[in-house]
Amino acid sequence: MRCVFDANVLISALLIPDSTPRRALDFALRKGEMLLSFALLAELTEVLSRKQFRRYVDEEDVRRFLAALTREATWVEVNVKIKACRDPDDDGILELAVSGSASHVVTGDADLLVFHPFRGIQIVTPHAFLNI
């Protein structure tokens, strides 16, 4: 299994330790590979640095989470351009998935879920991913 998790699922995994997104992430890390690009890491870093998240997690928790992701993930150089999504930021998830030969994209984003499957890649919710 080679998996791409969108930023919202990863953020939920950090903020809610017993959540379905967290269980999906832990499962992917145990049973397969999580794919990561510099663009996705930059998005996570930017979003998690916002003040609104400080009431849920502190900077040290964010730093540890991002460090663990960068250590555990398989880094992918994105080498394709895709323009398929209504939201151009979602194209980056598809580009990472295609560039990294992903088997799954795990997302809660309806704009990505409508593409299931995309070029042979399963696009599923965290709950559906756990049931695979």
C-alpha atoms as a PDB file:
ATOM      1  CA  MET A   1       0.000   0.000   0.000  1.00  0.00           C
ATOM      2  CA  ARG A   2       1.311   3.414  -0.999  1.00  0.00           C
ATOM      3  CA  CYS A   3      -0.917   6.114   0.476  1.00  0.00           C
ATOM      4  CA  VAL A   4      -1.373   9.838   0.164  1.00  0.00           C
ATOM      5  CA  PHE A   5      -3.252  11.548   2.978  1.00  0.00           C
ATOM      6  CA  ASP A   6      -4.660  14.991   2.327  1.00  0.00           C
ATOM      7  CA  ALA A   7      -3.824  17.808   4.734  1.00  0.00           C
ATOM      8  CA  ASN A   8      -7.238  17.829   6.405  1.00  0.00           C
ATOM      9  CA  VAL A   9      -7.006  14.150   7.310  1.00  0.00           C
ATOM     10  CA  LEU A  10      -3.486  14.612   8.667  1.00  0.00           C
ATOM     11  CA  ILE A  11      -4.563  17.624  10.720  1.00  0.00           C
ATOM     12  CA  SER A  12      -7.498  15.648  12.144  1.00  0.00           C
ATOM     13  CA  ALA A  13      -5.097  12.807  12.962  1.00  0.00           C
ATOM     14  CA  LEU A  14      -2.993  15.227  14.998  1.00  0.00           C
ATOM     15  CA  LEU A  15      -5.833  17.039  16.732  1.00  0.00           C
ATOM     16  CA  ILE A  16      -7.940  13.999  17.649  1.00  0.00           C
ATOM     17  CA  PRO A  17      -5.710  11.081  18.692  1.00  0.00           C
ATOM     18  CA  ASP A  18      -8.515   8.463  18.871  1.00  0.00           C
ATOM     19  CA  SER A  19     -10.124   9.525  15.603  1.00  0.00           C
ATOM     20  CA  THR A  20     -10.729   7.530  12.463  1.00  0.00           C
ATOM     21  CA  PRO A  21      -8.188   9.695  10.569  1.00  0.00           C
ATOM     22  CA  ARG A  22      -5.558   8.872  13.213  1.00  0.00           C
ATOM     23  CA  ARG A  23      -6.328   5.154  13.049  1.00  0.00           C
ATOM     24  CA  ALA A  24      -6.121   5.312   9.233  1.00  0.00           C
ATOM     25  CA  LEU A  25      -2.754   7.077   9.374  1.00  0.00           C
ATOM     26  CA  ASP A  26      -1.365   4.635  11.934  1.00  0.00           C
ATOM     27  CA  PHE A  27      -2.612   1.708   9.825  1.00  0.00           C
ATOM     28  CA  ALA A  28      -0.959   3.099   6.687  1.00  0.00           C
ATOM     29  CA  LEU A  29       2.327   3.602   8.494  1.00  0.00           C
ATOM     30  CA  ARG A  30       2.237   0.046   9.891  1.00  0.00           C
ATOM     31  CA  LYS A  31       1.092  -1.772   6.748  1.00  0.00           C
ATOM     32  CA  GLY A  32       2.404   0.329   3.894  1.00  0.00           C
ATOM     33  CA  GLU A  33       3.967   3.618   2.990  1.00  0.00           C
ATOM     34  CA  MET A  34       2.760   7.157   3.410  1.00  0.00           C
ATOM     35  CA  LEU A  35       3.850   9.387   0.542  1.00  0.00           C
ATOM     36  CA  LEU A  36       4.836  12.982   1.207  1.00  0.00           C
ATOM     37  CA  SER A  37       5.891  15.906  -0.958  1.00  0.00           C
ATOM     38  CA  PHE A  38       7.463  19.199  -0.003  1.00  0.00           C
ATOM     39  CA  ALA A  39       4.281  20.976  -1.130  1.00  0.00           C
ATOM     40  CA  LEU A  40       2.100  18.903   1.215  1.00  0.00           C
ATOM     41  CA  LEU A  41       4.529  19.393   4.098  1.00  0.00           C
ATOM     42  CA  ALA A  42       4.575  23.156   3.435  1.00  0.00           C
ATOM     43  CA  GLU A  43       0.754  23.234   3.478  1.00  0.00           C
ATOM     44  CA  LEU A  44       0.630  21.313   6.756  1.00  0.00           C
ATOM     45  CA  THR A  45       3.242  23.566   8.331  1.00  0.00           C
ATOM     46  CA  GLU A  46       1.418  26.714   7.241  1.00  0.00           C
ATOM     47  CA  VAL A  47      -2.005  25.559   8.405  1.00  0.00           C
ATOM     48  CA  LEU A  48      -0.783  24.189  11.730  1.00  0.00           C
ATOM     49  CA  SER A  49       1.063  27.428  12.491  1.00  0.00           C
ATOM     50  CA  ARG A  50      -2.230  29.356  12.586  1.00  0.00           C
ATOM     51  CA  LYS A  51      -3.236  30.726  15.984  1.00  0.00           C
ATOM     52  CA  GLN A  52      -6.615  28.972  15.930  1.00  0.00           C
ATOM     53  CA  PHE A  53      -4.885  25.606  16.423  1.00  0.00           C
ATOM     54  CA  ARG A  54      -2.975  26.689  19.560  1.00  0.00           C
ATOM     55  CA  ARG A  55      -6.005  25.990  21.747  1.00  0.00           C
ATOM     56  CA  TYR A  56      -5.868  22.333  20.623  1.00  0.00           C
ATOM     57  CA  VAL A  57      -2.147  21.646  20.228  1.00  0.00           C
ATOM     58  CA  ASP A  58       0.974  23.559  21.142  1.00  0.00           C
ATOM     59  CA  GLU A  59       3.939  24.280  18.898  1.00  0.00           C
ATOM     60  CA  GLU A  60       5.926  21.391  20.343  1.00  0.00           C
ATOM     61  CA  ASP A  61       3.152  18.889  19.514  1.00  0.00           C
ATOM     62  CA  VAL A  62       3.045  20.226  15.951  1.00  0.00           C
ATOM     63  CA  ARG A  63       6.824  20.026  15.643  1.00  0.00           C
ATOM     64  CA  ARG A  64       6.889  16.415  16.881  1.00  0.00           C
ATOM     65  CA  PHE A  65       4.031  15.414  14.568  1.00  0.00           C
ATOM     66  CA  LEU A  66       5.662  16.965  11.498  1.00  0.00           C
ATOM     67  CA  ALA A  67       9.044  15.490  12.413  1.00  0.00           C
ATOM     68  CA  ALA A  68       7.497  12.029  12.742  1.00  0.00           C
ATOM     69  CA  LEU A  69       5.770  12.397   9.376  1.00  0.00           C
ATOM     70  CA  THR A  70       8.950  13.475   7.632  1.00  0.00           C
ATOM     71  CA  ARG A  71      10.861  10.610   9.223  1.00  0.00           C
ATOM     72  CA  GLU A  72       8.274   7.911   8.478  1.00  0.00           C
ATOM     73  CA  ALA A  73       7.083   9.032   5.051  1.00  0.00           C
ATOM     74  CA  THR A  74       8.443   8.145   1.658  1.00  0.00           C
ATOM     75  CA  TRP A  75       9.432  11.375  -0.063  1.00  0.00           C
ATOM     76  CA  VAL A  76       8.172  11.834  -3.588  1.00  0.00           C
ATOM     77  CA  GLU A  77       9.345  14.315  -6.163  1.00  0.00           C
ATOM     78  CA  VAL A  78       6.210  15.455  -7.949  1.00  0.00           C
ATOM     79  CA  ASN A  79       6.883  15.185 -11.664  1.00  0.00           C
ATOM     80  CA  VAL A  80       3.424  15.453 -13.233  1.00  0.00           C
ATOM     81  CA  LYS A  81       0.998  18.332 -13.603  1.00  0.00           C
ATOM     82  CA  ILE A  82      -2.710  17.634 -13.218  1.00  0.00           C
ATOM     83  CA  LYS A  83      -5.516  20.118 -13.708  1.00  0.00           C
ATOM     84  CA  ALA A  84      -8.645  18.172 -12.865  1.00  0.00           C
ATOM     85  CA  CYS A  85     -10.035  19.616  -9.641  1.00  0.00           C
ATOM     86  CA  ARG A  86     -12.289  22.557  -9.006  1.00  0.00           C
ATOM     87  CA  ASP A  87      -9.861  23.615  -6.255  1.00  0.00           C
ATOM     88  CA  PRO A  88      -6.310  23.796  -7.673  1.00  0.00           C
ATOM     89  CA  ASP A  89      -4.881  22.856  -4.252  1.00  0.00           C
ATOM     90  CA  ASP A  90      -6.531  19.446  -4.644  1.00  0.00           C
ATOM     91  CA  ASP A  91      -4.614  18.901  -7.882  1.00  0.00           C
ATOM     92  CA  GLY A  92      -1.458  18.725  -5.755  1.00  0.00           C
ATOM     93  CA  ILE A  93      -2.788  15.657  -3.938  1.00  0.00           C
ATOM     94  CA  LEU A  94      -3.493  13.931  -7.259  1.00  0.00           C
ATOM     95  CA  GLU A  95      -0.072  14.962  -8.587  1.00  0.00           C
ATOM     96  CA  LEU A  96       1.613  13.474  -5.519  1.00  0.00           C
ATOM     97  CA  ALA A  97      -0.433  10.290  -5.819  1.00  0.00           C
ATOM     98  CA  VAL A  98       0.355   9.800  -9.520  1.00  0.00           C
ATOM     99  CA  SER A  99       4.040  10.755  -9.147  1.00  0.00           C
ATOM    100  CA  GLY A 100       4.434   8.368  -6.221  1.00  0.00           C
ATOM    101  CA  SER A 101       2.501   5.485  -7.790  1.00  0.00           C
ATOM    102  CA  ALA A 102       0.055   5.580  -4.902  1.00  0.00           C
ATOM    103  CA  SER A 103      -2.508   2.866  -4.406  1.00  0.00           C
ATOM    104  CA  HIS A 104      -4.755   5.076  -2.222  1.00  0.00           C
ATOM    105  CA  VAL A 105      -5.609   8.690  -1.542  1.00  0.00           C
ATOM    106  CA  VAL A 106      -7.220   9.100   1.861  1.00  0.00           C
ATOM    107  CA  THR A 107      -9.387  12.194   2.078  1.00  0.00           C
ATOM    108  CA  GLY A 108     -12.600  13.600   3.429  1.00  0.00           C
ATOM    109  CA  ASP A 109     -12.770  16.138   0.605  1.00  0.00           C
ATOM    110  CA  ALA A 110     -15.818  15.556  -1.582  1.00  0.00           C
ATOM    111  CA  ASP A 111     -14.060  17.340  -4.454  1.00  0.00           C
ATOM    112  CA  LEU A 112     -11.438  14.569  -4.468  1.00  0.00           C
ATOM    113  CA  LEU A 113     -13.742  11.676  -3.618  1.00  0.00           C
ATOM    114  CA  VAL A 114     -15.725  12.231  -6.841  1.00  0.00           C
ATOM    115  CA  PHE A 115     -12.634  11.175  -8.820  1.00  0.00           C
ATOM    116  CA  HIS A 116     -12.625   7.636  -7.347  1.00  0.00           C
ATOM    117  CA  PRO A 117     -10.862   5.871  -8.910  1.00  0.00           C
ATOM    118  CA  PHE A 118      -8.325   8.240 -10.477  1.00  0.00           C
ATOM    119  CA  ARG A 119      -5.878   6.590 -12.882  1.00  0.00           C
ATOM    120  CA  GLY A 120      -6.252   3.344 -10.954  1.00  0.00           C
ATOM    121  CA  ILE A 121      -5.759   5.007  -7.561  1.00  0.00           C
ATOM    122  CA  GLN A 122      -8.478   4.418  -4.982  1.00  0.00           C
ATOM    123  CA  ILE A 123      -9.729   7.676  -3.462  1.00  0.00           C
ATOM    124  CA  VAL A 124     -11.415   6.878  -0.175  1.00  0.00           C
ATOM    125  CA  THR A 125     -12.442   8.327   3.167  1.00  0.00           C
ATOM    126  CA  PRO A 126     -10.451   7.384   6.275  1.00  0.00           C
ATOM    127  CA  HIS A 127     -13.322   5.104   7.344  1.00  0.00           C
ATOM    128  CA  ALA A 128     -13.403   3.310   3.987  1.00  0.00           C
ATOM    129  CA  PHE A 129      -9.613   2.984   4.050  1.00  0.00           C
ATOM    130  CA  LEU A 130      -9.776   1.147   7.364  1.00  0.00           C
ATOM    131  CA  ASN A 131     -12.300  -1.271   5.874  1.00  0.00           C
ATOM    132  CA  ILE A 132     -10.104  -2.226   2.921  1.00  0.00           C
END
